[in-house]
C-alpha cells in the first residue's frame, strides 16, 4: 500500500482555526440563518468542540465588524458582547504560533 494512502492528519492543540477579514462574521451571536439553509456557525462550533480546537477570530477584523467579547464590549462601552459561544477573539500571534507548530497551514479564499 502506498505510504500516502494511510496518512492520518490532525489539528494539534497548540494550533487553532483562525478567522480573519469577513470570515469573523461567523462568530457573531447575531446570526439567524434561514431554516432551509445549513447553520454554518453551528457546524464550526461542533467541529471546535468535538476536536477541542480553538475557534479564534482576529481582533482587528472583529472590532471593524462589531463583534465584541465581554472585555471589548466593556472597553468600548457597548451594552453587550456579540461573540457567539465557542469562539474567542485573539491576535495574529496565535495564527503565527499555529503556523510555526504545524506542518501545514490551510487558507480558504472566497
PDB file of N, CA and C in Angstrom:
ATOM      1  N   UNK A   1       0.842  -1.173   0.000  1.00  0.00           N
ATOM      2  CA  UNK A   1       0.000   0.000   0.000  1.00  0.00           C
ATOM      3  C   UNK A   1       0.892   1.242   0.000  1.00  0.00           C
ATOM      4  N   UNK A   2       0.605   2.235  -0.835  1.00  0.00           N
ATOM      5  CA  UNK A   2       1.417   3.447  -0.863  1.00  0.00           C
ATOM      6  C   UNK A   2       1.422   4.141   0.495  1.00  0.00           C
ATOM      7  N   UNK A   3       2.523   4.775   0.822  1.00  0.00           N
ATOM      8  CA  UNK A   3       2.649   5.420   2.140  1.00  0.00           C
ATOM      9  C   UNK A   3       1.624   6.531   2.330  1.00  0.00           C
ATOM     10  N   UNK A   4       1.207   7.184   1.262  1.00  0.00           N
ATOM     11  CA  UNK A   4       0.255   8.286   1.405  1.00  0.00           C
ATOM     12  C   UNK A   4      -1.177   7.804   1.615  1.00  0.00           C
ATOM     13  N   UNK A   5      -1.450   6.534   1.404  1.00  0.00           N
ATOM     14  CA  UNK A   5      -2.820   6.018   1.495  1.00  0.00           C
ATOM     15  C   UNK A   5      -3.313   5.933   2.936  1.00  0.00           C
ATOM     16  N   UNK A   6      -2.437   5.800   3.898  1.00  0.00           N
ATOM     17  CA  UNK A   6      -2.845   5.624   5.293  1.00  0.00           C
ATOM     18  C   UNK A   6      -2.417   6.781   6.187  1.00  0.00           C
ATOM     19  N   UNK A   7      -2.107   7.905   5.647  1.00  0.00           N
ATOM     20  CA  UNK A   7      -1.693   9.028   6.480  1.00  0.00           C
ATOM     21  C   UNK A   7      -2.857   9.508   7.326  1.00  0.00           C
ATOM     22  N   UNK A   8      -2.531   9.846   8.522  1.00  0.00           N
ATOM     23  CA  UNK A   8      -3.528  10.383   9.442  1.00  0.00           C
ATOM     24  C   UNK A   8      -3.153  11.825   9.752  1.00  0.00           C
ATOM     25  N   UNK A   9      -4.115  12.715   9.631  1.00  0.00           N
ATOM     26  CA  UNK A   9      -3.859  14.124   9.910  1.00  0.00           C
ATOM     27  C   UNK A   9      -4.670  14.539  11.115  1.00  0.00           C
ATOM     28  N   UNK A  10      -4.133  15.503  11.837  1.00  0.00           N
ATOM     29  CA  UNK A  10      -4.851  16.019  12.990  1.00  0.00           C
ATOM     30  C   UNK A  10      -4.510  17.482  13.161  1.00  0.00           C
ATOM     31  N   UNK A  11      -5.387  18.176  13.847  1.00  0.00           N
ATOM     32  CA  UNK A  11      -5.108  19.555  14.225  1.00  0.00           C
ATOM     33  C   UNK A  11      -4.546  19.479  15.628  1.00  0.00           C
ATOM     34  N   UNK A  12      -3.301  19.926  15.795  1.00  0.00           N
ATOM     35  CA  UNK A  12      -2.677  19.838  17.112  1.00  0.00           C
ATOM     36  C   UNK A  12      -3.260  20.908  18.028  1.00  0.00           C
ATOM     37  N   UNK A  13      -3.289  20.644  19.294  1.00  0.00           N
ATOM     38  CA  UNK A  13      -3.951  21.512  20.271  1.00  0.00           C
ATOM     39  C   UNK A  13      -3.359  22.908  20.298  1.00  0.00           C
ATOM     40  N   UNK A  14      -2.072  23.035  20.049  1.00  0.00           N
ATOM     41  CA  UNK A  14      -1.482  24.371  20.088  1.00  0.00           C
ATOM     42  C   UNK A  14      -1.892  25.176  18.857  1.00  0.00           C
ATOM     43  N   UNK A  15      -2.491  24.503  17.894  1.00  0.00           N
ATOM     44  CA  UNK A  15      -2.990  25.189  16.713  1.00  0.00           C
ATOM     45  C   UNK A  15      -4.441  25.566  16.934  1.00  0.00           C
ATOM     46  N   UNK A  16      -4.973  26.279  15.981  1.00  0.00           N
ATOM     47  CA  UNK A  16      -6.355  26.714  16.085  1.00  0.00           C
ATOM     48  C   UNK A  16      -6.886  26.987  14.694  1.00  0.00           C
ATOM     49  N   UNK A  17      -8.161  27.186  14.628  1.00  0.00           N
ATOM     50  CA  UNK A  17      -8.759  27.704  13.398  1.00  0.00           C
ATOM     51  C   UNK A  17      -8.824  29.206  13.577  1.00  0.00           C
ATOM     52  N   UNK A  18      -8.243  29.916  12.646  1.00  0.00           N
ATOM     53  CA  UNK A  18      -8.140  31.370  12.759  1.00  0.00           C
ATOM     54  C   UNK A  18      -8.941  32.016  11.642  1.00  0.00           C
ATOM     55  N   UNK A  19      -9.904  32.831  12.021  1.00  0.00           N
ATOM     56  CA  UNK A  19     -10.765  33.514  11.065  1.00  0.00           C
ATOM     57  C   UNK A  19     -10.384  34.984  11.018  1.00  0.00           C
ATOM     58  N   UNK A  20     -10.265  35.540   9.810  1.00  0.00           N
ATOM     59  CA  UNK A  20      -9.981  36.968   9.702  1.00  0.00           C
ATOM     60  C   UNK A  20     -10.729  37.563   8.520  1.00  0.00           C
ATOM     61  N   UNK A  21     -10.637  38.865   8.373  1.00  0.00           N
ATOM     62  CA  UNK A  21     -11.428  39.628   7.400  1.00  0.00           C
ATOM     63  C   UNK A  21     -12.913  39.315   7.632  1.00  0.00           C
ATOM     64  N   UNK A  22     -13.699  39.183   6.588  1.00  0.00           N
ATOM     65  CA  UNK A  22     -15.132  38.951   6.750  1.00  0.00           C
ATOM     66  C   UNK A  22     -15.457  37.582   7.353  1.00  0.00           C
ATOM     67  N   UNK A  23     -14.494  36.683   7.386  1.00  0.00           N
ATOM     68  CA  UNK A  23     -14.748  35.354   7.963  1.00  0.00           C
ATOM     69  C   UNK A  23     -15.089  35.446   9.451  1.00  0.00           C
ATOM     70  N   UNK A  24     -14.692  36.526  10.130  1.00  0.00           N
ATOM     71  CA  UNK A  24     -15.015  36.649  11.557  1.00  0.00           C
ATOM     72  C   UNK A  24     -16.521  36.786  11.790  1.00  0.00           C
ATOM     73  N   UNK A  25     -17.258  37.128  10.757  1.00  0.00           N
ATOM     74  CA  UNK A  25     -18.710  37.258  10.919  1.00  0.00           C
ATOM     75  C   UNK A  25     -19.358  35.949  11.348  1.00  0.00           C
ATOM     76  N   UNK A  26     -18.698  34.826  11.105  1.00  0.00           N
ATOM     77  CA  UNK A  26     -19.226  33.533  11.521  1.00  0.00           C
ATOM     78  C   UNK A  26     -19.301  33.440  13.040  1.00  0.00           C
ATOM     79  N   UNK A  27     -18.562  34.283  13.742  1.00  0.00           N
ATOM     80  CA  UNK A  27     -18.558  34.276  15.201  1.00  0.00           C
ATOM     81  C   UNK A  27     -19.503  35.274  15.833  1.00  0.00           C
ATOM     82  N   UNK A  28     -20.381  35.870  15.045  1.00  0.00           N
ATOM     83  CA  UNK A  28     -21.342  36.831  15.578  1.00  0.00           C
ATOM     84  C   UNK A  28     -22.518  36.107  16.230  1.00  0.00           C
ATOM     85  N   UNK A  29     -22.861  36.542  17.414  1.00  0.00           N
ATOM     86  CA  UNK A  29     -24.000  35.963  18.119  1.00  0.00           C
ATOM     87  C   UNK A  29     -25.335  36.411  17.516  1.00  0.00           C
ATOM     88  N   UNK A  30     -25.279  37.309  16.558  1.00  0.00           N
ATOM     89  CA  UNK A  30     -26.496  37.860  15.963  1.00  0.00           C
ATOM     90  C   UNK A  30     -26.893  37.183  14.655  1.00  0.00           C
ATOM     91  N   UNK A  31     -26.226  36.099  14.279  1.00  0.00           N
ATOM     92  CA  UNK A  31     -26.599  35.393  13.060  1.00  0.00           C
ATOM     93  C   UNK A  31     -27.928  34.665  13.251  1.00  0.00           C
ATOM     94  N   UNK A  32     -28.742  34.684  12.219  1.00  0.00           N
ATOM     95  CA  UNK A  32     -30.017  33.967  12.238  1.00  0.00           C
ATOM     96  C   UNK A  32     -30.234  33.356  10.862  1.00  0.00           C
ATOM     97  N   UNK A  33     -29.557  32.224  10.573  1.00  0.00           N
ATOM     98  CA  UNK A  33     -29.659  31.631   9.240  1.00  0.00           C
ATOM     99  C   UNK A  33     -31.076  31.121   8.960  1.00  0.00           C
ATOM    100  N   UNK A  34     -31.512  31.214   7.719  1.00  0.00           N
ATOM    101  CA  UNK A  34     -32.828  30.673   7.358  1.00  0.00           C
ATOM    102  C   UNK A  34     -32.892  29.178   7.663  1.00  0.00           C
ATOM    103  N   UNK A  35     -34.077  28.703   7.984  1.00  0.00           N
ATOM    104  CA  UNK A  35     -34.248  27.304   8.372  1.00  0.00           C
ATOM    105  C   UNK A  35     -33.921  26.327   7.249  1.00  0.00           C
ATOM    106  N   UNK A  36     -34.014  26.778   6.007  1.00  0.00           N
ATOM    107  CA  UNK A  36     -33.746  25.869   4.884  1.00  0.00           C
ATOM    108  C   UNK A  36     -32.291  25.899   4.423  1.00  0.00           C
ATOM    109  N   UNK A  37     -31.433  26.555   5.183  1.00  0.00           N
ATOM    110  CA  UNK A  37     -30.004  26.605   4.861  1.00  0.00           C
ATOM    111  C   UNK A  37     -29.215  25.990   6.012  1.00  0.00           C
ATOM    112  N   UNK A  38     -28.050  25.430   5.706  1.00  0.00           N
ATOM    113  CA  UNK A  38     -27.215  24.880   6.784  1.00  0.00           C
ATOM    114  C   UNK A  38     -26.780  25.985   7.744  1.00  0.00           C
ATOM    115  N   UNK A  39     -26.727  25.659   9.005  1.00  0.00           N
ATOM    116  CA  UNK A  39     -26.242  26.605  10.006  1.00  0.00           C
ATOM    117  C   UNK A  39     -24.724  26.436  10.089  1.00  0.00           C
ATOM    118  N   UNK A  40     -24.021  27.199   9.286  1.00  0.00           N
ATOM    119  CA  UNK A  40     -22.567  27.068   9.173  1.00  0.00           C
ATOM    120  C   UNK A  40     -21.893  27.380  10.500  1.00  0.00           C
ATOM    121  N   UNK A  41     -22.419  28.350  11.222  1.00  0.00           N
ATOM    122  CA  UNK A  41     -21.849  28.673  12.522  1.00  0.00           C
ATOM    123  C   UNK A  41     -21.909  27.458  13.452  1.00  0.00           C
ATOM    124  N   UNK A  42     -23.029  26.794  13.501  1.00  0.00           N
ATOM    125  CA  UNK A  42     -23.182  25.615  14.358  1.00  0.00           C
ATOM    126  C   UNK A  42     -22.234  24.492  13.935  1.00  0.00           C
ATOM    127  N   UNK A  43     -21.985  24.368  12.648  1.00  0.00           N
ATOM    128  CA  UNK A  43     -21.045  23.349  12.167  1.00  0.00           C
ATOM    129  C   UNK A  43     -19.629  23.645  12.647  1.00  0.00           C
ATOM    130  N   UNK A  44     -19.201  24.913  12.587  1.00  0.00           N
ATOM    131  CA  UNK A  44     -17.873  25.282  13.095  1.00  0.00           C
ATOM    132  C   UNK A  44     -17.803  25.056  14.607  1.00  0.00           C
ATOM    133  N   UNK A  45     -18.873  25.444  15.318  1.00  0.00           N
ATOM    134  CA  UNK A  45     -18.894  25.258  16.767  1.00  0.00           C
ATOM    135  C   UNK A  45     -18.775  23.773  17.126  1.00  0.00           C
ATOM    136  N   UNK A  46     -19.473  22.927  16.402  1.00  0.00           N
ATOM    137  CA  UNK A  46     -19.411  21.488  16.662  1.00  0.00           C
ATOM    138  C   UNK A  46     -18.017  20.940  16.380  1.00  0.00           C
ATOM    139  N   UNK A  47     -17.404  21.370  15.294  1.00  0.00           N
ATOM    140  CA  UNK A  47     -16.054  20.915  14.962  1.00  0.00           C
ATOM    141  C   UNK A  47     -15.068  21.322  16.059  1.00  0.00           C
ATOM    142  N   UNK A  48     -15.136  22.576  16.467  1.00  0.00           N
ATOM    143  CA  UNK A  48     -14.239  23.050  17.519  1.00  0.00           C
ATOM    144  C   UNK A  48     -14.430  22.300  18.824  1.00  0.00           C
ATOM    145  N   UNK A  49     -15.676  22.096  19.194  1.00  0.00           N
ATOM    146  CA  UNK A  49     -15.984  21.413  20.445  1.00  0.00           C
ATOM    147  C   UNK A  49     -15.580  19.940  20.398  1.00  0.00           C
ATOM    148  N   UNK A  50     -15.936  19.268  19.320  1.00  0.00           N
ATOM    149  CA  UNK A  50     -15.661  17.834  19.200  1.00  0.00           C
ATOM    150  C   UNK A  50     -14.176  17.517  19.211  1.00  0.00           C
ATOM    151  N   UNK A  51     -13.363  18.376  18.615  1.00  0.00           N
ATOM    152  CA  UNK A  51     -11.928  18.109  18.494  1.00  0.00           C
ATOM    153  C   UNK A  51     -11.070  19.003  19.384  1.00  0.00           C
ATOM    154  N   UNK A  52     -11.717  19.748  20.275  1.00  0.00           N
ATOM    155  CA  UNK A  52     -11.012  20.647  21.197  1.00  0.00           C
ATOM    156  C   UNK A  52     -10.086  21.611  20.447  1.00  0.00           C
ATOM    157  N   UNK A  53     -10.635  22.221  19.404  1.00  0.00           N
ATOM    158  CA  UNK A  53      -9.884  23.156  18.572  1.00  0.00           C
ATOM    159  C   UNK A  53     -10.393  24.563  18.842  1.00  0.00           C
ATOM    160  N   UNK A  54      -9.538  25.475  19.258  1.00  0.00           N
ATOM    161  CA  UNK A  54      -9.983  26.854  19.456  1.00  0.00           C
ATOM    162  C   UNK A  54     -10.423  27.492  18.138  1.00  0.00           C
ATOM    163  N   UNK A  55     -11.510  28.231  18.193  1.00  0.00           N
ATOM    164  CA  UNK A  55     -12.022  28.977  17.043  1.00  0.00           C
ATOM    165  C   UNK A  55     -11.725  30.448  17.325  1.00  0.00           C
ATOM    166  N   UNK A  56     -10.647  30.925  16.753  1.00  0.00           N
ATOM    167  CA  UNK A  56     -10.156  32.261  17.077  1.00  0.00           C
ATOM    168  C   UNK A  56     -10.510  33.240  15.962  1.00  0.00           C
ATOM    169  N   UNK A  57     -11.063  34.378  16.373  1.00  0.00           N
ATOM    170  CA  UNK A  57     -11.411  35.439  15.441  1.00  0.00           C
ATOM    171  C   UNK A  57     -10.405  36.571  15.600  1.00  0.00           C
ATOM    172  N   UNK A  58      -9.919  37.103  14.504  1.00  0.00           N
ATOM    173  CA  UNK A  58      -8.947  38.200  14.518  1.00  0.00           C
ATOM    174  C   UNK A  58      -9.556  39.421  15.200  1.00  0.00           C
ATOM    175  N   UNK A  59      -8.871  39.933  16.200  1.00  0.00           N
ATOM    176  CA  UNK A  59      -9.388  41.052  16.976  1.00  0.00           C
ATOM    177  C   UNK A  59      -9.621  42.291  16.117  1.00  0.00           C
ATOM    178  N   UNK A  60      -8.690  42.622  15.235  1.00  0.00           N
ATOM    179  CA  UNK A  60      -8.854  43.827  14.396  1.00  0.00           C
ATOM    180  C   UNK A  60     -10.057  43.682  13.469  1.00  0.00           C
ATOM    181  N   UNK A  61     -10.216  42.499  12.882  1.00  0.00           N
ATOM    182  CA  UNK A  61     -11.361  42.259  11.998  1.00  0.00           C
ATOM    183  C   UNK A  61     -12.667  42.313  12.781  1.00  0.00           C
ATOM    184  N   UNK A  62     -12.660  41.783  14.001  1.00  0.00           N
ATOM    185  CA  UNK A  62     -13.865  41.806  14.834  1.00  0.00           C
ATOM    186  C   UNK A  62     -14.271  43.229  15.194  1.00  0.00           C
ATOM    187  N   UNK A  63     -13.312  44.022  15.621  1.00  0.00           N
ATOM    188  CA  UNK A  63     -13.635  45.389  16.021  1.00  0.00           C
ATOM    189  C   UNK A  63     -14.227  46.175  14.860  1.00  0.00           C
ATOM    190  N   UNK A  64     -13.709  45.970  13.665  1.00  0.00           N
ATOM    191  CA  UNK A  64     -14.249  46.663  12.484  1.00  0.00           C
ATOM    192  C   UNK A  64     -15.680  46.238  12.176  1.00  0.00           C
ATOM    193  N   UNK A  65     -16.051  45.038  12.607  1.00  0.00           N
ATOM    194  CA  UNK A  65     -17.359  44.483  12.252  1.00  0.00           C
ATOM    195  C   UNK A  65     -18.308  44.376  13.443  1.00  0.00           C
ATOM    196  N   UNK A  66     -17.928  44.937  14.565  1.00  0.00           N
ATOM    197  CA  UNK A  66     -18.816  44.983  15.722  1.00  0.00           C
ATOM    198  C   UNK A  66     -18.971  43.683  16.475  1.00  0.00           C
ATOM    199  N   UNK A  67     -18.000  42.815  16.365  1.00  0.00           N
ATOM    200  CA  UNK A  67     -18.043  41.559  17.122  1.00  0.00           C
ATOM    201  C   UNK A  67     -17.154  41.737  18.350  1.00  0.00           C
ATOM    202  N   UNK A  68     -17.782  41.701  19.525  1.00  0.00           N
ATOM    203  CA  UNK A  68     -17.077  42.013  20.758  1.00  0.00           C
ATOM    204  C   UNK A  68     -17.293  40.925  21.793  1.00  0.00           C
ATOM    205  N   UNK A  69     -16.220  40.568  22.487  1.00  0.00           N
ATOM    206  CA  UNK A  69     -16.384  39.695  23.642  1.00  0.00           C
ATOM    207  C   UNK A  69     -16.709  40.588  24.840  1.00  0.00           C
ATOM    208  N   UNK A  70     -16.852  40.006  26.002  1.00  0.00           N
ATOM    209  CA  UNK A  70     -17.225  40.775  27.197  1.00  0.00           C
ATOM    210  C   UNK A  70     -16.233  41.899  27.469  1.00  0.00           C
ATOM    211  N   UNK A  71     -14.948  41.579  27.383  1.00  0.00           N
ATOM    212  CA  UNK A  71     -13.909  42.574  27.679  1.00  0.00           C
ATOM    213  C   UNK A  71     -13.952  43.756  26.713  1.00  0.00           C
ATOM    214  N   UNK A  72     -14.061  43.465  25.410  1.00  0.00           N
ATOM    215  CA  UNK A  72     -14.084  44.531  24.406  1.00  0.00           C
ATOM    216  C   UNK A  72     -15.375  45.355  24.499  1.00  0.00           C
ATOM    217  N   UNK A  73     -16.485  44.699  24.828  1.00  0.00           N
ATOM    218  CA  UNK A  73     -17.743  45.436  24.991  1.00  0.00           C
ATOM    219  C   UNK A  73     -17.616  46.450  26.136  1.00  0.00           C
ATOM    220  N   UNK A  74     -17.018  46.035  27.234  1.00  0.00           N
ATOM    221  CA  UNK A  74     -16.810  46.959  28.354  1.00  0.00           C
ATOM    222  C   UNK A  74     -15.830  48.059  27.974  1.00  0.00           C
ATOM    223  N   UNK A  75     -14.758  47.687  27.304  1.00  0.00           N
ATOM    224  CA  UNK A  75     -13.720  48.654  26.906  1.00  0.00           C
ATOM    225  C   UNK A  75     -14.297  49.761  26.030  1.00  0.00           C
ATOM    226  N   UNK A  76     -15.190  49.408  25.109  1.00  0.00           N
ATOM    227  CA  UNK A  76     -15.765  50.387  24.190  1.00  0.00           C
ATOM    228  C   UNK A  76     -17.153  50.862  24.635  1.00  0.00           C
ATOM    229  N   UNK A  77     -17.502  50.536  25.890  1.00  0.00           N
ATOM    230  CA  UNK A  77     -18.756  50.980  26.498  1.00  0.00           C
ATOM    231  C   UNK A  77     -19.976  50.631  25.647  1.00  0.00           C
ATOM    232  N   UNK A  78     -20.009  49.393  25.194  1.00  0.00           N
ATOM    233  CA  UNK A  78     -21.142  48.876  24.438  1.00  0.00           C
ATOM    234  C   UNK A  78     -22.062  48.124  25.399  1.00  0.00           C
ATOM    235  N   UNK A  79     -23.363  48.069  25.093  1.00  0.00           N
ATOM    236  CA  UNK A  79     -24.300  47.471  26.040  1.00  0.00           C
ATOM    237  C   UNK A  79     -24.136  45.969  26.265  1.00  0.00           C
ATOM    238  N   UNK A  80     -23.592  45.248  25.281  1.00  0.00           N
ATOM    239  CA  UNK A  80     -23.457  43.810  25.454  1.00  0.00           C
ATOM    240  C   UNK A  80     -22.448  43.237  24.462  1.00  0.00           C
ATOM    241  N   UNK A  81     -21.888  42.078  24.802  1.00  0.00           N
ATOM    242  CA  UNK A  81     -21.000  41.407  23.847  1.00  0.00           C
ATOM    243  C   UNK A  81     -21.811  40.822  22.699  1.00  0.00           C
ATOM    244  N   UNK A  82     -21.131  40.513  21.614  1.00  0.00           N
ATOM    245  CA  UNK A  82     -21.814  39.938  20.446  1.00  0.00           C
ATOM    246  C   UNK A  82     -21.073  38.714  19.907  1.00  0.00           C
ATOM    247  N   UNK A  83     -20.251  38.128  20.734  1.00  0.00           N
ATOM    248  CA  UNK A  83     -19.452  36.963  20.347  1.00  0.00           C
ATOM    249  C   UNK A  83     -20.238  35.693  20.621  1.00  0.00           C
ATOM    250  N   UNK A  84     -20.354  34.834  19.617  1.00  0.00           N
ATOM    251  CA  UNK A  84     -21.089  33.574  19.755  1.00  0.00           C
ATOM    252  C   UNK A  84     -20.308  32.583  20.618  1.00  0.00           C
ATOM    253  N   UNK A  85     -21.043  31.689  21.239  1.00  0.00           N
ATOM    254  CA  UNK A  85     -20.457  30.644  22.074  1.00  0.00           C
ATOM    255  C   UNK A  85     -19.493  29.796  21.247  1.00  0.00           C
ATOM    256  N   UNK A  86     -18.369  29.458  21.867  1.00  0.00           N
ATOM    257  CA  UNK A  86     -17.399  28.585  21.214  1.00  0.00           C
ATOM    258  C   UNK A  86     -16.316  29.319  20.449  1.00  0.00           C
ATOM    259  N   UNK A  87     -16.475  30.621  20.275  1.00  0.00           N
ATOM    260  CA  UNK A  87     -15.480  31.428  19.571  1.00  0.00           C
ATOM    261  C   UNK A  87     -14.742  32.288  20.588  1.00  0.00           C
ATOM    262  N   UNK A  88     -13.526  32.676  20.240  1.00  0.00           N
ATOM    263  CA  UNK A  88     -12.768  33.605  21.069  1.00  0.00           C
ATOM    264  C   UNK A  88     -12.070  34.608  20.165  1.00  0.00           C
ATOM    265  N   UNK A  89     -11.769  35.740  20.732  1.00  0.00           N
ATOM    266  CA  UNK A  89     -11.080  36.783  19.972  1.00  0.00           C
ATOM    267  C   UNK A  89      -9.611  36.732  20.328  1.00  0.00           C
ATOM    268  N   UNK A  90      -8.762  36.797  19.322  1.00  0.00           N
ATOM    269  CA  UNK A  90      -7.324  36.727  19.539  1.00  0.00           C
ATOM    270  C   UNK A  90      -6.572  37.521  18.493  1.00  0.00           C
ATOM    271  N   UNK A  91      -5.273  37.460  18.585  1.00  0.00           N
ATOM    272  CA  UNK A  91      -4.434  38.236  17.684  1.00  0.00           C
ATOM    273  C   UNK A  91      -3.674  37.383  16.688  1.00  0.00           C
ATOM    274  N   UNK A  92      -2.988  38.067  15.807  1.00  0.00           N
ATOM    275  CA  UNK A  92      -2.216  37.386  14.775  1.00  0.00           C
ATOM    276  C   UNK A  92      -1.099  36.514  15.347  1.00  0.00           C
ATOM    277  N   UNK A  93      -0.674  36.810  16.560  1.00  0.00           N
ATOM    278  CA  UNK A  93       0.347  35.982  17.201  1.00  0.00           C
ATOM    279  C   UNK A  93      -0.088  34.536  17.319  1.00  0.00           C
ATOM    280  N   UNK A  94      -1.379  34.323  17.543  1.00  0.00           N
ATOM    281  CA  UNK A  94      -1.891  32.960  17.642  1.00  0.00           C
ATOM    282  C   UNK A  94      -1.857  32.252  16.288  1.00  0.00           C
ATOM    283  N   UNK A  95      -2.123  32.997  15.223  1.00  0.00           N
ATOM    284  CA  UNK A  95      -2.028  32.426  13.876  1.00  0.00           C
ATOM    285  C   UNK A  95      -0.578  32.049  13.576  1.00  0.00           C
ATOM    286  N   UNK A  96       0.330  32.931  13.888  1.00  0.00           N
ATOM    287  CA  UNK A  96       1.753  32.675  13.631  1.00  0.00           C
ATOM    288  C   UNK A  96       2.236  31.488  14.454  1.00  0.00           C
ATOM    289  N   UNK A  97       1.843  31.436  15.722  1.00  0.00           N
ATOM    290  CA  UNK A  97       2.240  30.314  16.580  1.00  0.00           C
ATOM    291  C   UNK A  97       1.730  28.993  16.009  1.00  0.00           C
ATOM    292  N   UNK A  98       0.498  28.977  15.575  1.00  0.00           N
ATOM    293  CA  UNK A  98      -0.062  27.766  14.992  1.00  0.00           C
ATOM    294  C   UNK A  98       0.677  27.346  13.741  1.00  0.00           C
ATOM    295  N   UNK A  99       1.002  28.318  12.889  1.00  0.00           N
ATOM    296  CA  UNK A  99       1.712  28.009  11.646  1.00  0.00           C
ATOM    297  C   UNK A  99       3.116  27.481  11.924  1.00  0.00           C
ATOM    298  N   UNK A 100       3.763  28.012  12.952  1.00  0.00           N
ATOM    299  CA  UNK A 100       5.112  27.559  13.292  1.00  0.00           C
ATOM    300  C   UNK A 100       5.119  26.146  13.882  1.00  0.00           C
ATOM    301  N   UNK A 101       4.023  25.761  14.543  1.00  0.00           N
ATOM    302  CA  UNK A 101       3.958  24.453  15.200  1.00  0.00           C
ATOM    303  C   UNK A 101       3.304  23.376  14.348  1.00  0.00           C
ATOM    304  N   UNK A 102       2.860  23.728  13.166  1.00  0.00           N
ATOM    305  CA  UNK A 102       2.170  22.761  12.309  1.00  0.00           C
ATOM    306  C   UNK A 102       3.010  22.475  11.071  1.00  0.00           C
ATOM    307  N   UNK A 103       2.762  21.329  10.467  1.00  0.00           N
ATOM    308  CA  UNK A 103       3.466  21.040   9.227  1.00  0.00           C
ATOM    309  C   UNK A 103       2.696  21.559   8.015  1.00  0.00           C
ATOM    310  N   UNK A 104       1.463  22.010   8.230  1.00  0.00           N
ATOM    311  CA  UNK A 104       0.655  22.571   7.141  1.00  0.00           C
ATOM    312  C   UNK A 104      -0.198  23.710   7.663  1.00  0.00           C
ATOM    313  N   UNK A 105      -0.393  24.694   6.821  1.00  0.00           N
ATOM    314  CA  UNK A 105      -1.328  25.773   7.096  1.00  0.00           C
ATOM    315  C   UNK A 105      -2.243  25.874   5.896  1.00  0.00           C
ATOM    316  N   UNK A 106      -3.536  25.783   6.133  1.00  0.00           N
ATOM    317  CA  UNK A 106      -4.511  25.867   5.054  1.00  0.00           C
ATOM    318  C   UNK A 106      -5.186  27.228   5.065  1.00  0.00           C
ATOM    319  N   UNK A 107      -5.360  27.794   3.895  1.00  0.00           N
ATOM    320  CA  UNK A 107      -6.054  29.061   3.754  1.00  0.00           C
ATOM    321  C   UNK A 107      -7.186  28.883   2.760  1.00  0.00           C
ATOM    322  N   UNK A 108      -8.363  29.323   3.146  1.00  0.00           N
ATOM    323  CA  UNK A 108      -9.520  29.232   2.265  1.00  0.00           C
ATOM    324  C   UNK A 108      -9.840  30.634   1.769  1.00  0.00           C
ATOM    325  N   UNK A 109      -9.914  30.786   0.467  1.00  0.00           N
ATOM    326  CA  UNK A 109     -10.208  32.082  -0.140  1.00  0.00           C
ATOM    327  C   UNK A 109     -11.609  32.051  -0.752  1.00  0.00           C
ATOM    328  N   UNK A 110     -12.261  33.210  -0.795  1.00  0.00           N
ATOM    329  CA  UNK A 110     -13.608  33.247  -1.388  1.00  0.00           C
ATOM    330  C   UNK A 110     -13.578  32.994  -2.874  1.00  0.00           C
TER     331      UNK A 110
END
